[in-house]
Amino acid sequence: MKNTPFDPTQYKIAQRQGWDQVAAGWRSWWKTFERAGQEVSDHLVSMAEITAGQRVLDIATGIGEPAITAAHRVGPAGEVFALDFAEAMVAIAQERATAHGRENITFAISDAEQLDLPQQSFDAALSRWGLMFLPNLVPALSDIRQCLKEGGRLAAAVWSTPDKAPVASLALRVVSQHIQVPPSAPGTPGPFSLAEALALTHSLERAGFSNVRSERITIVWEFATAEDYTRFQREIAPPITAMIAHLSAEQQSHIWQEITEAARRYATPDGRVEIPGESICVVGIA
């Protein structure tokens, strides 16, 4: 199937709408997600060498991570500025910050590729599973670098390859067995667009960061049952639902059942499902 030219403007519109549409799902599932995701937040904060009293920027904060983790590290004398372009997701982030008693976070609805921030105003920057969705990554990274003080660090996490991150790829793999998924145009962002070993490392270097290094971390998401995993995917992953929306109700039901059966392969003896996901964590110095 021939791919269509990538339109970054339409892509961003669709992304914003998609994230806003699944915000209710994230409100229901964030505790399940963060039981595993917290480990990556902690790892990024450590890689960025964040300390008390610092000012930290969180790019594409989603439901507020790693902003909330960083806010705890910098303490009351520090400050975190967290941005995301999906208004409904930012609302959840604000709710979570309030519940955690974090008053040192400022949230903003903003496009990560259109930063309007003072230069050299942050000690560190973070991004957890967000950079792979940016259509113009290197220019965006360059802007982030200019926001950092000299010697400030950017630490970011992206998904590894689909085979190493089934928690994020399993449902799509099943869907692709039933419908022809059109190939992505060159340069198209997406969950696995930075999954190759040196993709993000090279992007940071091109944006002017130095001493860039990467690490891999594998964490495991736990669901009460395989059916729970499927509900999780239905409620927080808009691309999957959109891809099969044209099929009959019976066909859709069959696909979701196959996703459940695929998840069941990760079942433990007591019926819980544990699905791993490897992330590539990269840090560079401004």
Protein backbone atom coordinates (compact mmCIF):
# COMPACT_ATOMS: atom_id res chain seq x y z
CA MET A 1 0.00 0.00 0.00
CA LYS A 2 1.37 3.39 -0.98
CA ASN A 3 2.02 5.76 1.88
CA THR A 4 0.65 9.30 1.85
CA PRO A 5 2.84 12.38 2.39
CA PHE A 6 3.20 13.31 6.03
CA ASP A 7 1.39 16.50 7.03
CA PRO A 8 2.71 17.70 10.42
CA THR A 9 -0.13 20.19 10.89
CA GLN A 10 -2.86 17.60 10.42
CA TYR A 11 -0.86 15.14 12.50
CA LYS A 12 -0.77 17.53 15.45
CA ILE A 13 -4.48 18.25 15.18
CA ALA A 14 -5.25 14.54 15.22
CA GLN A 15 -2.84 13.93 18.10
CA ARG A 16 -4.35 16.67 20.23
CA GLN A 17 -7.88 15.43 19.57
CA GLY A 18 -6.86 11.84 20.24
CA TRP A 19 -5.25 12.56 23.59
CA ASP A 20 -8.17 14.72 24.69
CA GLN A 21 -10.60 11.96 23.73
CA VAL A 22 -8.85 9.36 25.89
CA ALA A 23 -8.29 11.61 28.89
CA ALA A 24 -11.21 10.00 30.70
CA GLY A 25 -9.53 6.63 30.21
CA TRP A 26 -6.27 7.94 31.63
CA ARG A 27 -8.15 9.30 34.63
CA SER A 28 -9.33 5.73 35.27
CA TRP A 29 -6.07 3.95 34.52
CA TRP A 30 -3.25 6.25 35.61
CA LYS A 31 -2.66 4.40 38.91
CA THR A 32 -2.19 1.12 37.05
CA PHE A 33 0.12 2.77 34.54
CA GLU A 34 2.19 4.63 37.13
CA ARG A 35 2.85 1.59 39.27
CA ALA A 36 5.33 0.70 36.53
CA GLY A 37 5.93 4.09 34.92
CA GLN A 38 7.17 5.60 38.18
CA GLU A 39 10.41 3.66 37.80
CA VAL A 40 11.19 5.48 34.55
CA SER A 41 10.35 8.86 36.12
CA ASP A 42 12.74 8.12 38.97
CA HIS A 43 15.42 7.04 36.52
CA LEU A 44 15.13 10.21 34.43
CA VAL A 45 15.27 12.48 37.47
CA SER A 46 18.45 10.71 38.55
CA MET A 47 20.00 10.88 35.08
CA ALA A 48 19.33 14.62 34.97
CA GLU A 49 21.01 14.96 38.40
CA ILE A 50 18.13 17.08 39.68
CA THR A 51 18.66 18.50 43.16
CA ALA A 52 16.81 20.66 45.67
CA GLY A 53 16.10 24.23 44.65
CA GLN A 54 16.43 23.72 40.89
CA ARG A 55 14.10 24.84 38.10
CA VAL A 56 13.00 21.95 35.88
CA LEU A 57 11.16 21.82 32.54
CA ASP A 58 8.96 18.82 31.68
CA ILE A 59 8.15 18.43 27.98
CA ALA A 60 4.92 16.60 26.98
CA THR A 61 4.02 15.96 30.61
CA GLY A 62 0.81 14.04 29.84
CA ILE A 63 -0.69 13.05 33.19
CA GLY A 64 2.06 14.93 35.02
CA GLU A 65 5.16 12.77 34.87
CA PRO A 66 7.98 13.11 35.46
CA ALA A 67 6.95 16.61 36.63
CA ILE A 68 5.45 15.41 39.93
CA THR A 69 8.50 13.26 40.66
CA ALA A 70 10.82 16.18 39.86
CA ALA A 71 8.75 18.52 42.05
CA HIS A 72 9.35 16.22 44.99
CA ARG A 73 13.11 16.21 44.28
CA VAL A 74 13.51 20.01 43.95
CA GLY A 75 11.42 20.66 47.05
CA PRO A 76 9.66 23.89 48.05
CA ALA A 77 12.66 26.01 47.07
CA GLY A 78 12.55 24.64 43.53
CA GLU A 79 10.07 24.88 40.68
CA VAL A 80 8.82 22.67 37.86
CA PHE A 81 7.26 24.00 34.66
CA ALA A 82 5.34 21.25 32.83
CA LEU A 83 3.72 21.57 29.43
CA ASP A 84 1.54 19.50 27.14
CA PHE A 85 -0.64 20.44 24.18
CA ALA A 86 -3.62 18.29 25.22
CA GLU A 87 -5.80 20.35 27.54
CA ALA A 88 -7.69 17.39 29.01
CA MET A 89 -4.46 15.59 29.88
CA VAL A 90 -3.10 18.70 31.59
CA ALA A 91 -6.27 18.82 33.69
CA ILE A 92 -5.49 15.31 34.97
CA ALA A 93 -1.89 16.33 35.67
CA GLN A 94 -3.11 19.26 37.74
CA GLU A 95 -5.47 17.00 39.69
CA ARG A 96 -2.65 14.57 40.42
CA ALA A 97 -0.29 17.34 41.51
CA THR A 98 -2.92 18.69 43.89
CA ALA A 99 -3.52 15.23 45.31
CA HIS A 100 0.24 14.89 45.89
CA GLY A 101 0.34 18.29 47.59
CA ARG A 102 2.74 19.66 44.99
CA GLU A 103 2.39 23.44 44.88
CA ASN A 104 5.72 24.00 43.11
CA ILE A 105 4.51 22.90 39.66
CA THR A 106 3.14 25.21 36.99
CA PHE A 107 1.26 23.47 34.18
CA ALA A 108 0.72 25.03 30.77
CA ILE A 109 -1.08 24.02 27.59
CA SER A 110 1.67 24.42 25.04
CA ASP A 111 3.19 22.83 21.94
CA ALA A 112 6.65 21.43 22.66
CA GLU A 113 7.75 22.66 19.23
CA GLN A 114 6.71 26.23 19.96
CA LEU A 115 8.44 27.02 23.22
CA ASP A 116 8.21 30.62 24.35
CA LEU A 117 10.51 30.48 27.35
CA PRO A 118 13.49 32.58 28.46
CA GLN A 119 16.87 31.26 27.43
CA GLN A 120 19.08 29.63 30.07
CA SER A 121 16.26 29.65 32.62
CA PHE A 122 16.15 25.96 33.63
CA ASP A 123 18.63 23.70 35.38
CA ALA A 124 17.25 20.53 33.80
CA ALA A 125 14.66 19.27 31.32
CA LEU A 126 12.78 15.98 31.20
CA SER A 127 10.50 14.09 28.85
CA ARG A 128 8.97 10.66 29.40
CA TRP A 129 7.60 8.89 26.31
CA GLY A 130 6.90 12.17 24.54
CA LEU A 131 9.72 13.08 22.15
CA MET A 132 8.86 10.31 19.66
CA PHE A 133 5.62 12.16 18.86
CA LEU A 134 7.35 15.40 17.75
CA PRO A 135 7.35 15.93 13.95
CA ASN A 136 10.32 18.34 14.07
CA LEU A 137 12.43 16.73 16.75
CA VAL A 138 15.89 18.24 16.27
CA PRO A 139 14.69 21.89 16.12
CA ALA A 140 12.57 21.22 19.21
CA LEU A 141 15.55 19.74 21.03
CA SER A 142 17.63 22.75 20.04
CA ASP A 143 15.00 25.05 21.58
CA ILE A 144 14.99 22.96 24.75
CA ARG A 145 18.79 23.21 24.92
CA GLN A 146 18.60 26.99 24.68
CA CYS A 147 16.19 27.02 27.65
CA LEU A 148 18.79 25.24 29.77
CA LYS A 149 21.56 26.88 31.72
CA GLU A 150 25.07 25.97 30.65
CA GLY A 151 25.74 22.48 31.95
CA GLY A 152 22.05 21.72 32.38
CA ARG A 153 20.88 18.25 31.44
CA LEU A 154 18.06 16.89 29.33
CA ALA A 155 16.96 13.36 30.23
CA ALA A 156 14.33 11.65 28.10
CA ALA A 157 12.78 8.22 27.64
CA VAL A 158 11.30 6.69 24.48
CA TRP A 159 10.02 3.22 23.67
CA SER A 160 12.46 0.60 22.43
CA THR A 161 11.56 -1.63 19.46
CA PRO A 162 8.08 -3.22 19.41
CA ASP A 163 9.40 -6.70 20.18
CA LYS A 164 10.97 -5.38 23.38
CA ALA A 165 7.98 -3.26 24.41
CA PRO A 166 4.91 -5.50 24.02
CA VAL A 167 2.98 -3.45 26.56
CA ALA A 168 2.82 -0.75 23.89
CA SER A 169 2.90 -2.90 20.73
CA LEU A 170 0.81 -6.01 21.41
CA ALA A 171 -2.57 -4.56 20.43
CA LEU A 172 -1.24 -3.01 17.22
CA ARG A 173 0.40 -6.30 16.25
CA VAL A 174 -2.93 -8.11 16.57
CA VAL A 175 -4.79 -5.43 14.61
CA SER A 176 -2.21 -5.55 11.81
CA GLN A 177 -3.02 -9.24 11.33
CA HIS A 178 -6.58 -8.30 10.38
CA ILE A 179 -6.26 -5.07 8.43
CA GLN A 180 -3.60 -3.67 6.16
CA VAL A 181 -1.87 -0.96 8.14
CA PRO A 182 -0.48 1.62 5.69
CA PRO A 183 3.27 2.17 5.95
CA SER A 184 4.35 5.39 7.59
CA ALA A 185 5.84 8.09 5.42
CA PRO A 186 9.53 8.82 6.10
CA GLY A 187 9.94 11.06 9.13
CA THR A 188 6.53 10.23 10.56
CA PRO A 189 6.55 10.37 14.36
CA GLY A 190 4.94 7.64 16.42
CA PRO A 191 5.39 5.37 19.44
CA PHE A 192 8.39 3.56 17.95
CA SER A 193 9.86 6.25 15.70
CA LEU A 194 12.92 6.60 17.98
CA ALA A 195 13.22 2.92 18.83
CA GLU A 196 16.45 2.29 16.97
CA ALA A 197 19.45 2.25 19.29
CA LEU A 198 21.07 5.55 18.31
CA ALA A 199 18.10 7.52 16.95
CA LEU A 200 17.54 9.73 19.99
CA THR A 201 21.25 9.93 20.83
CA HIS A 202 22.05 11.30 17.38
CA SER A 203 19.12 13.72 17.57
CA LEU A 204 20.43 15.22 20.82
CA GLU A 205 23.90 15.55 19.34
CA ARG A 206 22.54 17.27 16.23
CA ALA A 207 20.68 19.69 18.52
CA GLY A 208 23.93 20.69 20.22
CA PHE A 209 23.94 18.53 23.35
CA SER A 210 27.25 17.06 24.47
CA ASN A 211 28.32 13.98 26.43
CA VAL A 212 25.19 12.20 25.24
CA ARG A 213 24.74 8.69 26.57
CA SER A 214 21.90 6.18 26.66
CA GLU A 215 20.72 3.40 28.93
CA ARG A 216 18.01 0.78 28.61
CA ILE A 217 15.50 0.00 31.31
CA THR A 218 12.84 -2.70 31.27
CA ILE A 219 9.83 -2.43 33.53
CA VAL A 220 6.75 -4.60 33.86
CA TRP A 221 3.13 -3.49 33.82
CA GLU A 222 0.78 -5.59 35.90
CA PHE A 223 -2.91 -6.11 35.17
CA ALA A 224 -5.38 -8.10 37.23
CA THR A 225 -6.45 -10.12 34.18
CA ALA A 226 -5.90 -10.26 30.42
CA GLU A 227 -9.33 -8.66 30.03
CA ASP A 228 -8.09 -5.73 32.11
CA TYR A 229 -5.21 -5.20 29.70
CA THR A 230 -7.65 -5.09 26.80
CA ARG A 231 -9.87 -2.57 28.60
CA PHE A 232 -6.77 -0.50 29.29
CA GLN A 233 -5.88 -0.44 25.59
CA ARG A 234 -9.44 0.37 24.50
CA GLU A 235 -9.64 3.32 26.85
CA ILE A 236 -6.19 4.91 26.54
CA ALA A 237 -5.03 4.10 22.98
CA PRO A 238 -7.12 6.03 20.42
CA PRO A 239 -5.18 4.88 17.32
CA ILE A 240 -6.18 1.25 17.85
CA THR A 241 -9.88 2.04 18.15
CA ALA A 242 -9.72 4.38 15.16
CA MET A 243 -7.98 1.80 12.97
CA ILE A 244 -10.78 -0.75 13.36
CA ALA A 245 -13.71 1.67 13.53
CA HIS A 246 -14.74 0.88 9.93
CA LEU A 247 -15.18 -2.82 10.71
CA SER A 248 -18.44 -4.41 11.80
CA ALA A 249 -19.21 -4.70 15.50
CA GLU A 250 -18.68 -8.44 15.25
CA GLN A 251 -15.26 -8.03 13.62
CA GLN A 252 -14.20 -5.46 16.20
CA SER A 253 -15.29 -7.72 19.03
CA HIS A 254 -13.27 -10.57 17.52
CA ILE A 255 -10.13 -8.42 17.33
CA TRP A 256 -10.46 -7.26 20.93
CA GLN A 257 -10.88 -10.89 21.98
CA GLU A 258 -7.69 -11.81 20.11
CA ILE A 259 -5.88 -9.00 21.92
CA THR A 260 -7.09 -10.49 25.19
CA GLU A 261 -5.81 -13.92 24.18
CA ALA A 262 -2.45 -12.44 23.16
CA ALA A 263 -2.19 -10.74 26.56
CA ARG A 264 -3.00 -14.02 28.27
CA ARG A 265 0.37 -15.36 27.12
CA TYR A 266 1.89 -13.09 29.76
CA ALA A 267 -0.27 -14.53 32.55
CA THR A 268 1.25 -15.62 35.83
CA PRO A 269 0.06 -18.78 37.64
CA ASP A 270 -2.39 -16.75 39.71
CA GLY A 271 -3.99 -15.19 36.61
CA ARG A 272 -2.39 -11.77 36.75
CA VAL A 273 -0.86 -10.47 33.54
CA GLU A 274 2.65 -9.01 33.54
CA ILE A 275 3.69 -7.36 30.27
CA PRO A 276 7.16 -5.85 29.89
CA GLY A 277 8.22 -2.70 28.13
CA GLU A 278 11.79 -1.62 27.40
CA SER A 279 12.62 2.07 27.23
CA ILE A 280 15.69 3.85 25.92
CA CYS A 281 16.72 6.59 28.34
CA VAL A 282 19.07 9.27 27.02
CA VAL A 283 20.79 12.19 28.73
CA GLY A 284 22.78 15.07 27.26
CA ILE A 285 24.41 18.26 28.56
CA ALA A 286 23.60 21.74 27.24
